[in-house]
């Protein structure tokens, strides 16, 4: 397995300085109130859906990186509507949304599948950094927040992002979003 950009020094090139608050203090340089995005969220780690998903993933891949084939197993079907799969596109310097679950589509008011996800998203900078961190460091990140669904009010959520490999290459992340 290889990171799509193994020479990338994530900490120095992507993370704002000073950078050790929450998870690298990523929310600090964004136009997002920090209380709206909690990285390394204990609440997300306790969320029943997140715990079940991570438990199945851990059982399948142990200390390795989750494989796309595992997500396609029957045991994972119940999570599909709440998943987002993002693939790093180096030429664009952005993530392409490969899968945007139907629950998310219904609540968000549109489908992001096939779109460069962070280009016009107000939360783009923060989540781009977090996804790049997950991708290159192969770490799991838990977070919670409040999402302003399109013309549907605000929804509290918990989520987890894991690195994802396809045919031995780690170039994607998978996010499970659990509504509170």
Foldseek 3Di string as FASTA:
>chain_A
DAQPCQVDPLLPPQADPPFDDQHGCLCVPAPDPCVQKGKQDPVLCVDPVSVVVVVQQCVVAPPHAREPVSCVDPVNVVQQQQKWKWFQDVVVRATATQGHHVVRCVQQVHGRHGHRPQPPDSCNSSVRSVFSCCRNVQDKMKMWGWDQRVVPGIWTWIKIKGFYDYPPYGGMIMMGIGTD
